[in-house]
Amino acid sequence: MKVRNARQTFLNCALLIALAVFLAATASSGSRQAESRKSGAQRVFQIEPAQSKVHWTLGTTLHTVHGTFVLNHGDLRIAFEDTKASGEIVVDAQSGESGNDSRDKKMHGEILESRKFSTIVFHPDRIEGKIPSEGSADVQLHGVFSLHGSDHEITLPVHADVTGNHWKGNAKFTIPYIQWGLKNPSNFLLKTDPQVGIELELSGTVATDSGK
């Protein structure tokens, strides 16, 4: 009986010690997280170009033209405690293609002038909504879209999925390229829409930057 009581006492002590260690670790973690957020911590959504895609579509009187661009690099930095965002998504303007050589030559030479304006860049500055540490969310990402040497404010509707330290994002929006100063590619035989549809399929990793 004494052996059994001693064993039970030992187990109870062990459980109490384990509980104390767990509570201390939790409190410490919470304290570190709170301190990290106070010091300007942010989550960094790194974009992997090889796992990401940029699609575009342009309607015409004959058919809808489909094309792609290559993403150079990018990351999105989202603050924990406020709506601040930063980072950039950089697209190679010279990589644009639609599967038709003569059409693409005109696009690069007359419309995008991609030798002169070789990149297309989006710089986010704030976010509406929250991206969870795990799961899905729909947010609005506001920022500046730099195209053909000019900057334009724009808000992108983004659907994000986070699983562990990986994430995927999708954004569909339109660019009023003629209104933004690019040449109208229409002619007397073919009329084109005044705006082009863009879809971003982004994928990458998530990390925390303490801001220190």
N, C-alpha and C. Protein backbone atom coordinates (compact mmCIF):
# COMPACT_ATOMS: atom_id res chain seq x y z
N MET A 1 0.83 -1.21 0.00
CA MET A 1 0.00 0.00 0.00
C MET A 1 0.87 1.27 0.00
N LYS A 2 1.94 1.25 0.84
CA LYS A 2 2.83 2.41 0.89
C LYS A 2 3.51 2.65 -0.45
N VAL A 3 3.88 1.53 -1.13
CA VAL A 3 4.52 1.66 -2.45
C VAL A 3 3.56 2.29 -3.44
N ARG A 4 2.28 1.85 -3.39
CA ARG A 4 1.27 2.37 -4.30
C ARG A 4 1.04 3.86 -4.03
N ASN A 5 0.96 4.25 -2.76
CA ASN A 5 0.75 5.66 -2.41
C ASN A 5 1.94 6.52 -2.86
N ALA A 6 3.15 5.96 -2.65
CA ALA A 6 4.34 6.70 -3.06
C ALA A 6 4.37 6.90 -4.57
N ARG A 7 3.96 5.85 -5.30
CA ARG A 7 3.92 5.94 -6.78
C ARG A 7 2.91 6.98 -7.23
N GLN A 8 1.74 6.96 -6.57
CA GLN A 8 0.69 7.92 -6.93
C GLN A 8 1.13 9.35 -6.64
N THR A 9 1.82 9.51 -5.48
CA THR A 9 2.33 10.84 -5.12
C THR A 9 3.35 11.33 -6.15
N PHE A 10 4.21 10.41 -6.60
CA PHE A 10 5.22 10.75 -7.60
C PHE A 10 4.57 11.17 -8.92
N LEU A 11 3.55 10.41 -9.34
CA LEU A 11 2.85 10.73 -10.59
C LEU A 11 2.16 12.09 -10.49
N ASN A 12 1.54 12.36 -9.34
CA ASN A 12 0.87 13.65 -9.16
C ASN A 12 1.87 14.80 -9.24
N CYS A 13 3.02 14.60 -8.60
CA CYS A 13 4.06 15.64 -8.64
C CYS A 13 4.56 15.87 -10.06
N ALA A 14 4.74 14.76 -10.78
CA ALA A 14 5.21 14.86 -12.16
C ALA A 14 4.21 15.62 -13.03
N LEU A 15 2.91 15.33 -12.83
CA LEU A 15 1.88 16.02 -13.59
C LEU A 15 1.85 17.50 -13.27
N LEU A 16 2.02 17.83 -11.99
CA LEU A 16 2.03 19.24 -11.58
C LEU A 16 3.21 19.98 -12.19
N ILE A 17 4.38 19.32 -12.20
CA ILE A 17 5.56 19.93 -12.79
C ILE A 17 5.37 20.15 -14.29
N ALA A 18 4.82 19.13 -14.96
CA ALA A 18 4.58 19.24 -16.40
C ALA A 18 3.61 20.36 -16.71
N LEU A 19 2.56 20.47 -15.88
CA LEU A 19 1.57 21.53 -16.07
C LEU A 19 2.20 22.90 -15.87
N ALA A 20 3.04 23.01 -14.83
CA ALA A 20 3.71 24.28 -14.55
C ALA A 20 4.62 24.69 -15.70
N VAL A 21 5.36 23.71 -16.24
CA VAL A 21 6.26 23.99 -17.37
C VAL A 21 5.45 24.45 -18.58
N PHE A 22 4.33 23.78 -18.86
CA PHE A 22 3.48 24.12 -20.00
C PHE A 22 2.93 25.53 -19.87
N LEU A 23 2.41 25.86 -18.67
CA LEU A 23 1.84 27.19 -18.46
C LEU A 23 2.91 28.27 -18.58
N ALA A 24 4.11 27.98 -18.06
CA ALA A 24 5.21 28.95 -18.16
C ALA A 24 5.61 29.18 -19.60
N ALA A 25 5.67 28.08 -20.37
CA ALA A 25 6.03 28.19 -21.79
C ALA A 25 4.99 28.96 -22.56
N THR A 26 3.70 28.69 -22.25
CA THR A 26 2.62 29.40 -22.94
C THR A 26 2.65 30.88 -22.64
N ALA A 27 2.86 31.20 -21.36
CA ALA A 27 2.93 32.61 -20.96
C ALA A 27 4.10 33.30 -21.62
N SER A 28 5.24 32.59 -21.68
CA SER A 28 6.44 33.17 -22.31
C SER A 28 6.22 33.40 -23.79
N SER A 29 5.57 32.40 -24.44
CA SER A 29 5.29 32.53 -25.87
C SER A 29 4.37 33.70 -26.14
N GLY A 30 3.31 33.82 -25.30
CA GLY A 30 2.38 34.92 -25.47
C GLY A 30 3.04 36.25 -25.25
N SER A 31 3.94 36.31 -24.25
CA SER A 31 4.66 37.54 -23.97
C SER A 31 5.56 37.92 -25.13
N ARG A 32 6.27 36.91 -25.68
CA ARG A 32 7.16 37.17 -26.82
C ARG A 32 6.37 37.63 -28.02
N GLN A 33 5.19 37.00 -28.25
CA GLN A 33 4.37 37.37 -29.39
C GLN A 33 3.85 38.79 -29.25
N ALA A 34 3.38 39.13 -28.02
CA ALA A 34 2.88 40.48 -27.79
C ALA A 34 3.98 41.50 -27.97
N GLU A 35 5.17 41.20 -27.43
CA GLU A 35 6.31 42.11 -27.55
C GLU A 35 6.71 42.26 -29.00
N SER A 36 6.68 41.12 -29.76
CA SER A 36 7.04 41.15 -31.17
C SER A 36 6.10 42.04 -31.95
N ARG A 37 4.80 41.94 -31.65
CA ARG A 37 3.83 42.73 -32.37
C ARG A 37 3.96 44.21 -32.02
N LYS A 38 4.31 44.51 -30.77
CA LYS A 38 4.51 45.89 -30.39
C LYS A 38 5.67 46.50 -31.14
N SER A 39 6.66 45.69 -31.46
CA SER A 39 7.88 46.22 -32.10
C SER A 39 7.77 46.25 -33.62
N GLY A 40 6.56 46.10 -34.15
CA GLY A 40 6.36 46.22 -35.59
C GLY A 40 6.51 44.94 -36.37
N ALA A 41 6.18 43.82 -35.76
CA ALA A 41 6.30 42.54 -36.44
C ALA A 41 5.33 42.45 -37.62
N GLN A 42 5.70 41.67 -38.60
CA GLN A 42 4.85 41.48 -39.77
C GLN A 42 5.05 40.08 -40.32
N ARG A 43 4.05 39.64 -41.05
CA ARG A 43 4.18 38.35 -41.74
C ARG A 43 4.63 38.61 -43.16
N VAL A 44 5.56 37.78 -43.62
CA VAL A 44 6.11 37.93 -44.96
C VAL A 44 5.61 36.78 -45.82
N PHE A 45 4.83 37.11 -46.84
CA PHE A 45 4.33 36.12 -47.79
C PHE A 45 5.25 36.13 -49.00
N GLN A 46 6.24 35.27 -48.96
CA GLN A 46 7.21 35.20 -50.06
C GLN A 46 6.58 34.50 -51.26
N ILE A 47 6.84 35.02 -52.45
CA ILE A 47 6.27 34.45 -53.67
C ILE A 47 7.34 33.66 -54.41
N GLU A 48 7.01 32.43 -54.78
CA GLU A 48 7.92 31.59 -55.55
C GLU A 48 7.54 31.71 -57.03
N PRO A 49 8.36 32.38 -57.85
CA PRO A 49 8.01 32.60 -59.26
C PRO A 49 7.71 31.31 -60.03
N ALA A 50 8.46 30.24 -59.75
CA ALA A 50 8.26 28.99 -60.49
C ALA A 50 6.91 28.36 -60.20
N GLN A 51 6.31 28.71 -59.05
CA GLN A 51 5.03 28.14 -58.65
C GLN A 51 3.87 29.12 -58.87
N SER A 52 4.16 30.26 -59.50
CA SER A 52 3.16 31.31 -59.68
C SER A 52 2.95 31.61 -61.17
N LYS A 53 1.79 32.17 -61.49
CA LYS A 53 1.46 32.45 -62.88
C LYS A 53 0.75 33.80 -63.00
N VAL A 54 0.94 34.43 -64.15
CA VAL A 54 0.24 35.68 -64.48
C VAL A 54 -0.47 35.47 -65.81
N HIS A 55 -1.80 35.54 -65.79
CA HIS A 55 -2.59 35.36 -67.01
C HIS A 55 -3.24 36.70 -67.40
N TRP A 56 -3.45 36.91 -68.68
CA TRP A 56 -4.20 38.08 -69.12
C TRP A 56 -5.13 37.71 -70.26
N THR A 57 -6.24 38.42 -70.35
CA THR A 57 -7.22 38.20 -71.43
C THR A 57 -7.66 39.55 -71.97
N LEU A 58 -7.85 39.60 -73.28
CA LEU A 58 -8.29 40.83 -73.94
C LEU A 58 -9.37 40.48 -74.96
N GLY A 59 -10.53 41.06 -74.76
CA GLY A 59 -11.63 40.81 -75.69
C GLY A 59 -11.49 41.64 -76.96
N THR A 60 -11.86 41.04 -78.10
CA THR A 60 -11.87 41.75 -79.38
C THR A 60 -13.17 41.43 -80.10
N THR A 61 -13.40 42.11 -81.23
CA THR A 61 -14.62 41.85 -81.99
C THR A 61 -14.62 40.47 -82.64
N LEU A 62 -13.46 39.83 -82.76
CA LEU A 62 -13.37 38.51 -83.38
C LEU A 62 -13.32 37.39 -82.34
N HIS A 63 -12.53 37.57 -81.30
CA HIS A 63 -12.37 36.52 -80.29
C HIS A 63 -11.68 37.11 -79.06
N THR A 64 -11.55 36.30 -78.03
CA THR A 64 -10.84 36.73 -76.82
C THR A 64 -9.40 36.22 -76.88
N VAL A 65 -8.47 37.13 -76.70
CA VAL A 65 -7.04 36.78 -76.73
C VAL A 65 -6.59 36.41 -75.32
N HIS A 66 -5.90 35.29 -75.21
CA HIS A 66 -5.37 34.82 -73.92
C HIS A 66 -3.85 34.87 -73.96
N GLY A 67 -3.25 35.29 -72.86
CA GLY A 67 -1.79 35.35 -72.81
C GLY A 67 -1.26 35.21 -71.40
N THR A 68 0.06 35.27 -71.28
CA THR A 68 0.72 35.13 -69.98
C THR A 68 1.89 36.11 -69.88
N PHE A 69 2.32 36.31 -68.63
CA PHE A 69 3.56 37.00 -68.32
C PHE A 69 4.32 36.15 -67.32
N VAL A 70 5.62 36.37 -67.22
CA VAL A 70 6.45 35.68 -66.23
C VAL A 70 6.66 36.59 -65.02
N LEU A 71 6.46 36.04 -63.84
CA LEU A 71 6.69 36.79 -62.61
C LEU A 71 8.17 36.71 -62.24
N ASN A 72 8.81 37.87 -62.06
CA ASN A 72 10.23 37.91 -61.70
C ASN A 72 10.47 37.52 -60.25
N HIS A 73 9.85 38.24 -59.35
CA HIS A 73 9.98 37.97 -57.93
C HIS A 73 8.91 38.76 -57.18
N GLY A 74 8.78 38.49 -55.90
CA GLY A 74 7.81 39.26 -55.13
C GLY A 74 7.66 38.78 -53.70
N ASP A 75 7.17 39.68 -52.87
CA ASP A 75 6.76 39.33 -51.52
C ASP A 75 5.74 40.35 -51.04
N LEU A 76 4.90 39.91 -50.13
CA LEU A 76 3.90 40.77 -49.51
C LEU A 76 4.16 40.77 -48.01
N ARG A 77 4.27 41.96 -47.42
CA ARG A 77 4.53 42.08 -45.99
C ARG A 77 3.31 42.70 -45.32
N ILE A 78 2.68 41.93 -44.44
CA ILE A 78 1.44 42.36 -43.80
C ILE A 78 1.67 42.54 -42.31
N ALA A 79 1.40 43.74 -41.78
CA ALA A 79 1.58 44.01 -40.36
C ALA A 79 0.56 43.23 -39.53
N PHE A 80 0.96 42.82 -38.32
CA PHE A 80 0.08 42.07 -37.43
C PHE A 80 -1.07 42.94 -36.89
N GLU A 81 -0.73 44.12 -36.41
CA GLU A 81 -1.68 44.87 -35.59
C GLU A 81 -2.40 46.01 -36.29
N ASP A 82 -2.09 46.28 -37.54
CA ASP A 82 -2.80 47.36 -38.24
C ASP A 82 -2.98 46.97 -39.69
N THR A 83 -3.31 47.94 -40.52
CA THR A 83 -3.63 47.65 -41.92
C THR A 83 -2.46 47.90 -42.86
N LYS A 84 -1.27 48.14 -42.31
CA LYS A 84 -0.12 48.43 -43.16
C LYS A 84 0.31 47.22 -43.97
N ALA A 85 0.71 47.48 -45.20
CA ALA A 85 1.26 46.43 -46.08
C ALA A 85 2.41 47.04 -46.87
N SER A 86 3.31 46.18 -47.31
CA SER A 86 4.44 46.63 -48.12
C SER A 86 4.90 45.47 -48.99
N GLY A 87 6.03 45.64 -49.65
CA GLY A 87 6.54 44.60 -50.54
C GLY A 87 6.34 44.98 -51.99
N GLU A 88 6.46 44.01 -52.87
CA GLU A 88 6.27 44.27 -54.29
C GLU A 88 6.07 42.96 -55.05
N ILE A 89 5.34 43.06 -56.14
CA ILE A 89 5.20 41.96 -57.09
C ILE A 89 5.74 42.49 -58.42
N VAL A 90 6.79 41.87 -58.93
CA VAL A 90 7.47 42.37 -60.14
C VAL A 90 7.28 41.38 -61.29
N VAL A 91 6.74 41.86 -62.38
CA VAL A 91 6.48 41.05 -63.56
C VAL A 91 7.39 41.50 -64.70
N ASP A 92 7.91 40.56 -65.45
CA ASP A 92 8.76 40.85 -66.61
C ASP A 92 7.87 41.23 -67.79
N ALA A 93 7.85 42.52 -68.13
CA ALA A 93 6.99 42.99 -69.22
C ALA A 93 7.38 42.38 -70.56
N GLN A 94 8.68 42.11 -70.74
CA GLN A 94 9.15 41.56 -72.02
C GLN A 94 8.77 40.10 -72.20
N SER A 95 8.26 39.46 -71.15
CA SER A 95 7.89 38.04 -71.25
C SER A 95 6.47 37.85 -71.75
N GLY A 96 5.72 38.93 -71.93
CA GLY A 96 4.33 38.81 -72.36
C GLY A 96 4.20 38.12 -73.71
N GLU A 97 3.28 37.17 -73.78
CA GLU A 97 3.05 36.46 -75.06
C GLU A 97 1.61 35.98 -75.13
N SER A 98 1.13 35.85 -76.38
CA SER A 98 -0.25 35.42 -76.63
C SER A 98 -0.32 34.24 -77.59
N GLY A 99 0.83 33.75 -78.04
CA GLY A 99 0.84 32.64 -78.98
C GLY A 99 0.81 33.05 -80.43
N ASN A 100 0.85 34.37 -80.70
CA ASN A 100 0.84 34.87 -82.07
C ASN A 100 2.00 35.86 -82.21
N ASP A 101 3.00 35.52 -83.00
CA ASP A 101 4.23 36.31 -83.08
C ASP A 101 3.99 37.74 -83.54
N SER A 102 3.19 37.93 -84.60
CA SER A 102 2.97 39.29 -85.11
C SER A 102 2.19 40.13 -84.11
N ARG A 103 1.21 39.52 -83.45
CA ARG A 103 0.44 40.25 -82.44
C ARG A 103 1.33 40.61 -81.25
N ASP A 104 2.18 39.67 -80.84
CA ASP A 104 3.06 39.93 -79.70
C ASP A 104 4.11 41.00 -80.04
N LYS A 105 4.57 41.00 -81.28
CA LYS A 105 5.54 42.02 -81.70
C LYS A 105 4.93 43.41 -81.61
N LYS A 106 3.68 43.53 -82.01
CA LYS A 106 2.99 44.81 -81.91
C LYS A 106 2.76 45.19 -80.45
N MET A 107 2.39 44.20 -79.63
CA MET A 107 2.15 44.46 -78.21
C MET A 107 3.39 45.02 -77.54
N HIS A 108 4.55 44.41 -77.82
CA HIS A 108 5.78 44.86 -77.18
C HIS A 108 6.34 46.15 -77.78
N GLY A 109 6.23 46.27 -79.11
CA GLY A 109 6.81 47.43 -79.77
C GLY A 109 5.98 48.69 -79.69
N GLU A 110 4.63 48.55 -79.77
CA GLU A 110 3.77 49.73 -79.85
C GLU A 110 2.93 49.98 -78.59
N ILE A 111 2.54 48.94 -77.89
CA ILE A 111 1.63 49.10 -76.75
C ILE A 111 2.41 49.19 -75.43
N LEU A 112 3.09 48.12 -75.08
CA LEU A 112 3.82 48.10 -73.81
C LEU A 112 5.16 48.83 -73.89
N GLU A 113 5.74 48.89 -75.10
CA GLU A 113 7.10 49.43 -75.27
C GLU A 113 8.01 48.80 -74.21
N SER A 114 8.01 47.47 -74.21
CA SER A 114 8.64 46.73 -73.12
C SER A 114 10.17 46.83 -73.07
N ARG A 115 10.81 47.21 -74.16
CA ARG A 115 12.26 47.42 -74.08
C ARG A 115 12.58 48.63 -73.22
N LYS A 116 11.71 49.61 -73.27
CA LYS A 116 11.90 50.83 -72.48
C LYS A 116 11.34 50.66 -71.07
N PHE A 117 10.16 50.03 -70.97
CA PHE A 117 9.51 49.81 -69.68
C PHE A 117 9.48 48.30 -69.43
N SER A 118 10.59 47.79 -68.90
CA SER A 118 10.80 46.34 -68.87
C SER A 118 10.11 45.59 -67.73
N THR A 119 9.57 46.34 -66.76
CA THR A 119 8.89 45.66 -65.66
C THR A 119 7.51 46.28 -65.41
N ILE A 120 6.64 45.46 -64.85
CA ILE A 120 5.33 45.89 -64.37
C ILE A 120 5.31 45.55 -62.89
N VAL A 121 5.02 46.54 -62.04
CA VAL A 121 5.21 46.35 -60.60
C VAL A 121 3.97 46.78 -59.82
N PHE A 122 3.64 45.97 -58.81
CA PHE A 122 2.59 46.34 -57.87
C PHE A 122 3.21 46.48 -56.48
N HIS A 123 3.00 47.66 -55.85
CA HIS A 123 3.48 47.92 -54.50
C HIS A 123 2.27 48.07 -53.57
N PRO A 124 2.00 47.10 -52.70
CA PRO A 124 0.88 47.24 -51.76
C PRO A 124 1.23 48.22 -50.66
N ASP A 125 0.20 48.92 -50.12
CA ASP A 125 0.46 49.83 -49.00
C ASP A 125 -0.51 49.61 -47.83
N ARG A 126 -1.65 48.95 -48.07
CA ARG A 126 -2.54 48.64 -46.95
C ARG A 126 -3.47 47.49 -47.33
N ILE A 127 -4.02 46.86 -46.31
CA ILE A 127 -4.89 45.71 -46.51
C ILE A 127 -6.18 45.90 -45.73
N GLU A 128 -7.29 45.50 -46.31
CA GLU A 128 -8.58 45.49 -45.63
C GLU A 128 -8.96 44.04 -45.41
N GLY A 129 -9.10 43.64 -44.13
CA GLY A 129 -9.37 42.25 -43.80
C GLY A 129 -8.13 41.61 -43.19
N LYS A 130 -8.30 40.41 -42.68
CA LYS A 130 -7.23 39.69 -42.00
C LYS A 130 -6.97 38.35 -42.67
N ILE A 131 -5.70 38.01 -42.84
CA ILE A 131 -5.32 36.70 -43.32
C ILE A 131 -4.97 35.84 -42.11
N PRO A 132 -5.68 34.74 -41.88
CA PRO A 132 -5.45 33.94 -40.67
C PRO A 132 -4.11 33.20 -40.73
N SER A 133 -3.67 32.74 -39.56
CA SER A 133 -2.44 31.95 -39.51
C SER A 133 -2.65 30.58 -40.13
N GLU A 134 -3.89 30.17 -40.23
CA GLU A 134 -4.24 28.89 -40.87
C GLU A 134 -5.65 29.01 -41.44
N GLY A 135 -5.83 28.65 -42.70
CA GLY A 135 -7.16 28.71 -43.29
C GLY A 135 -7.25 29.69 -44.45
N SER A 136 -8.48 30.08 -44.79
CA SER A 136 -8.74 30.90 -45.98
C SER A 136 -9.31 32.26 -45.59
N ALA A 137 -9.13 33.23 -46.47
CA ALA A 137 -9.68 34.56 -46.25
C ALA A 137 -9.76 35.31 -47.57
N ASP A 138 -10.70 36.25 -47.64
CA ASP A 138 -10.81 37.15 -48.77
C ASP A 138 -10.52 38.56 -48.26
N VAL A 139 -9.54 39.21 -48.85
CA VAL A 139 -9.11 40.55 -48.41
C VAL A 139 -9.01 41.48 -49.61
N GLN A 140 -8.90 42.77 -49.31
CA GLN A 140 -8.69 43.79 -50.33
C GLN A 140 -7.30 44.38 -50.12
N LEU A 141 -6.48 44.27 -51.14
CA LEU A 141 -5.10 44.75 -51.05
C LEU A 141 -4.95 46.01 -51.91
N HIS A 142 -4.76 47.14 -51.24
CA HIS A 142 -4.63 48.42 -51.94
C HIS A 142 -3.16 48.75 -52.17
N GLY A 143 -2.89 49.40 -53.30
CA GLY A 143 -1.51 49.77 -53.56
C GLY A 143 -1.37 50.56 -54.84
N VAL A 144 -0.14 50.60 -55.34
CA VAL A 144 0.20 51.35 -56.55
C VAL A 144 0.67 50.40 -57.64
N PHE A 145 0.06 50.50 -58.80
CA PHE A 145 0.38 49.66 -59.95
C PHE A 145 1.19 50.51 -60.93
N SER A 146 2.43 50.09 -61.18
CA SER A 146 3.31 50.85 -62.07
C SER A 146 3.37 50.16 -63.44
N LEU A 147 2.90 50.86 -64.46
CA LEU A 147 2.82 50.31 -65.81
C LEU A 147 3.18 51.37 -66.82
N HIS A 148 4.09 51.03 -67.73
CA HIS A 148 4.45 51.93 -68.83
C HIS A 148 4.92 53.28 -68.32
N GLY A 149 5.65 53.28 -67.20
CA GLY A 149 6.24 54.51 -66.68
C GLY A 149 5.32 55.37 -65.84
N SER A 150 4.10 54.91 -65.57
CA SER A 150 3.15 55.69 -64.77
C SER A 150 2.63 54.87 -63.60
N ASP A 151 2.30 55.55 -62.50
CA ASP A 151 1.77 54.90 -61.30
C ASP A 151 0.27 55.14 -61.19
N HIS A 152 -0.44 54.10 -60.77
CA HIS A 152 -1.89 54.18 -60.64
C HIS A 152 -2.34 53.45 -59.39
N GLU A 153 -3.23 54.09 -58.62
CA GLU A 153 -3.78 53.44 -57.44
C GLU A 153 -4.78 52.36 -57.86
N ILE A 154 -4.74 51.25 -57.12
CA ILE A 154 -5.63 50.14 -57.46
C ILE A 154 -5.86 49.30 -56.21
N THR A 155 -7.00 48.63 -56.15
CA THR A 155 -7.30 47.70 -55.05
C THR A 155 -7.55 46.32 -55.65
N LEU A 156 -6.79 45.33 -55.19
CA LEU A 156 -6.91 43.98 -55.70
C LEU A 156 -7.71 43.10 -54.72
N PRO A 157 -8.74 42.41 -55.21
CA PRO A 157 -9.44 41.45 -54.36
C PRO A 157 -8.63 40.15 -54.33
N VAL A 158 -8.17 39.76 -53.17
CA VAL A 158 -7.28 38.61 -53.04
C VAL A 158 -7.92 37.51 -52.19
N HIS A 159 -7.92 36.30 -52.72
CA HIS A 159 -8.32 35.13 -51.92
C HIS A 159 -7.04 34.41 -51.52
N ALA A 160 -6.84 34.22 -50.22
CA ALA A 160 -5.62 33.60 -49.71
C ALA A 160 -5.93 32.33 -48.93
N ASP A 161 -5.09 31.32 -49.10
CA ASP A 161 -5.16 30.07 -48.34
C ASP A 161 -3.81 29.82 -47.68
N VAL A 162 -3.83 29.65 -46.36
CA VAL A 162 -2.59 29.41 -45.61
C VAL A 162 -2.64 28.03 -44.98
N THR A 163 -1.59 27.24 -45.23
CA THR A 163 -1.46 25.92 -44.63
C THR A 163 -0.04 25.77 -44.09
N GLY A 164 0.08 25.78 -42.76
CA GLY A 164 1.42 25.71 -42.17
C GLY A 164 2.23 26.92 -42.58
N ASN A 165 3.42 26.69 -43.16
CA ASN A 165 4.26 27.81 -43.61
C ASN A 165 4.19 28.01 -45.12
N HIS A 166 3.11 27.54 -45.73
CA HIS A 166 2.90 27.75 -47.17
C HIS A 166 1.59 28.51 -47.40
N TRP A 167 1.53 29.22 -48.50
CA TRP A 167 0.31 29.95 -48.83
C TRP A 167 0.09 29.98 -50.33
N LYS A 168 -1.17 30.19 -50.71
CA LYS A 168 -1.54 30.40 -52.10
C LYS A 168 -2.49 31.59 -52.15
N GLY A 169 -2.37 32.37 -53.22
CA GLY A 169 -3.23 33.53 -53.38
C GLY A 169 -3.72 33.65 -54.81
N ASN A 170 -4.92 34.18 -54.96
CA ASN A 170 -5.49 34.38 -56.29
C ASN A 170 -6.13 35.76 -56.34
N ALA A 171 -5.86 36.50 -57.40
CA ALA A 171 -6.43 37.84 -57.57
C ALA A 171 -6.86 38.03 -59.01
N LYS A 172 -8.11 38.45 -59.21
CA LYS A 172 -8.63 38.75 -60.54
C LYS A 172 -9.07 40.21 -60.57
N PHE A 173 -8.59 40.94 -61.57
CA PHE A 173 -8.92 42.35 -61.67
C PHE A 173 -8.74 42.80 -63.12
N THR A 174 -9.13 44.03 -63.40
CA THR A 174 -8.99 44.57 -64.76
C THR A 174 -8.12 45.82 -64.74
N ILE A 175 -7.43 46.04 -65.83
CA ILE A 175 -6.58 47.22 -66.01
C ILE A 175 -7.13 48.04 -67.18
N PRO A 176 -7.55 49.29 -66.94
CA PRO A 176 -8.03 50.15 -68.03
C PRO A 176 -6.83 50.76 -68.77
N TYR A 177 -6.17 49.93 -69.57
CA TYR A 177 -4.88 50.31 -70.13
C TYR A 177 -4.94 51.54 -71.03
N ILE A 178 -6.03 51.71 -71.76
CA ILE A 178 -6.14 52.89 -72.63
C ILE A 178 -6.31 54.15 -71.77
N GLN A 179 -7.15 54.06 -70.75
CA GLN A 179 -7.33 55.18 -69.83
C GLN A 179 -6.02 55.52 -69.12
N TRP A 180 -5.19 54.51 -68.92
CA TRP A 180 -3.90 54.73 -68.25
C TRP A 180 -2.81 55.21 -69.21
N GLY A 181 -3.16 55.47 -70.46
CA GLY A 181 -2.21 56.10 -71.36
C GLY A 181 -1.54 55.22 -72.38
N LEU A 182 -1.90 53.92 -72.44
CA LEU A 182 -1.31 53.04 -73.44
C LEU A 182 -2.07 53.19 -74.76
N LYS A 183 -1.40 52.87 -75.83
CA LYS A 183 -1.99 53.01 -77.17
C LYS A 183 -3.12 52.03 -77.39
N ASN A 184 -4.16 52.48 -78.05
CA ASN A 184 -5.28 51.61 -78.41
C ASN A 184 -4.89 50.75 -79.61
N PRO A 185 -4.89 49.42 -79.46
CA PRO A 185 -4.47 48.54 -80.56
C PRO A 185 -5.54 48.33 -81.63
N SER A 186 -6.71 48.91 -81.48
CA SER A 186 -7.80 48.71 -82.45
C SER A 186 -7.43 49.29 -83.81
N ASN A 187 -8.02 48.71 -84.87
CA ASN A 187 -7.91 49.27 -86.21
C ASN A 187 -9.27 49.17 -86.88
N PHE A 188 -9.36 49.52 -88.16
CA PHE A 188 -10.67 49.56 -88.81
C PHE A 188 -11.28 48.17 -89.00
N LEU A 189 -10.48 47.12 -88.88
CA LEU A 189 -10.99 45.76 -89.01
C LEU A 189 -11.24 45.09 -87.67
N LEU A 190 -10.47 45.48 -86.66
CA LEU A 190 -10.53 44.80 -85.37
C LEU A 190 -10.64 45.80 -84.23
N LYS A 191 -11.65 45.65 -83.41
CA LYS A 191 -11.83 46.50 -82.24
C LYS A 191 -11.52 45.70 -80.98
N THR A 192 -10.80 46.33 -80.05
CA THR A 192 -10.43 45.66 -78.81
C THR A 192 -11.08 46.35 -77.62
N ASP A 193 -11.28 45.60 -76.54
CA ASP A 193 -11.82 46.16 -75.31
C ASP A 193 -10.85 47.18 -74.73
N PRO A 194 -11.36 48.21 -74.06
CA PRO A 194 -10.48 49.23 -73.48
C PRO A 194 -9.84 48.81 -72.16
N GLN A 195 -10.09 47.60 -71.73
CA GLN A 195 -9.46 47.11 -70.50
C GLN A 195 -9.05 45.65 -70.67
N VAL A 196 -8.01 45.26 -69.96
CA VAL A 196 -7.49 43.90 -70.05
C VAL A 196 -7.69 43.21 -68.70
N GLY A 197 -8.11 41.95 -68.75
CA GLY A 197 -8.30 41.18 -67.52
C GLY A 197 -7.00 40.53 -67.08
N ILE A 198 -6.73 40.60 -65.78
CA ILE A 198 -5.51 40.02 -65.21
C ILE A 198 -5.89 39.01 -64.12
N GLU A 199 -5.21 37.90 -64.10
CA GLU A 199 -5.37 36.94 -63.00
C GLU A 199 -3.99 36.54 -62.49
N LEU A 200 -3.79 36.73 -61.19
CA LEU A 200 -2.55 36.32 -60.53
C LEU A 200 -2.79 35.04 -59.76
N GLU A 201 -1.97 34.03 -60.01
CA GLU A 201 -1.97 32.80 -59.21
C GLU A 201 -0.62 32.76 -58.49
N LEU A 202 -0.66 33.01 -57.19
CA LEU A 202 0.56 33.14 -56.42
C LEU A 202 0.72 31.98 -55.44
N SER A 203 1.95 31.60 -55.20
CA SER A 203 2.24 30.51 -54.27
C SER A 203 3.60 30.75 -53.65
N GLY A 204 3.75 30.38 -52.37
CA GLY A 204 5.04 30.58 -51.73
C GLY A 204 5.02 30.19 -50.26
N THR A 205 5.90 30.79 -49.50
CA THR A 205 6.06 30.47 -48.09
C THR A 205 5.69 31.66 -47.21
N VAL A 206 5.41 31.36 -45.95
CA VAL A 206 5.05 32.41 -44.97
C VAL A 206 6.07 32.37 -43.84
N ALA A 207 6.53 33.55 -43.43
CA ALA A 207 7.46 33.66 -42.31
C ALA A 207 7.10 34.91 -41.51
N THR A 208 7.66 35.01 -40.31
CA THR A 208 7.44 36.17 -39.45
C THR A 208 8.71 36.99 -39.34
N ASP A 209 8.56 38.29 -39.56
CA ASP A 209 9.66 39.23 -39.41
C ASP A 209 9.40 40.04 -38.14
N SER A 210 10.28 39.95 -37.17
CA SER A 210 10.06 40.60 -35.87
C SER A 210 10.11 42.11 -35.96
N GLY A 211 10.67 42.63 -37.04
CA GLY A 211 10.76 44.07 -37.19
C GLY A 211 11.92 44.68 -36.46
N LYS A 212 12.79 43.85 -35.87
CA LYS A 212 13.95 44.38 -35.12
C LYS A 212 15.18 44.41 -36.02
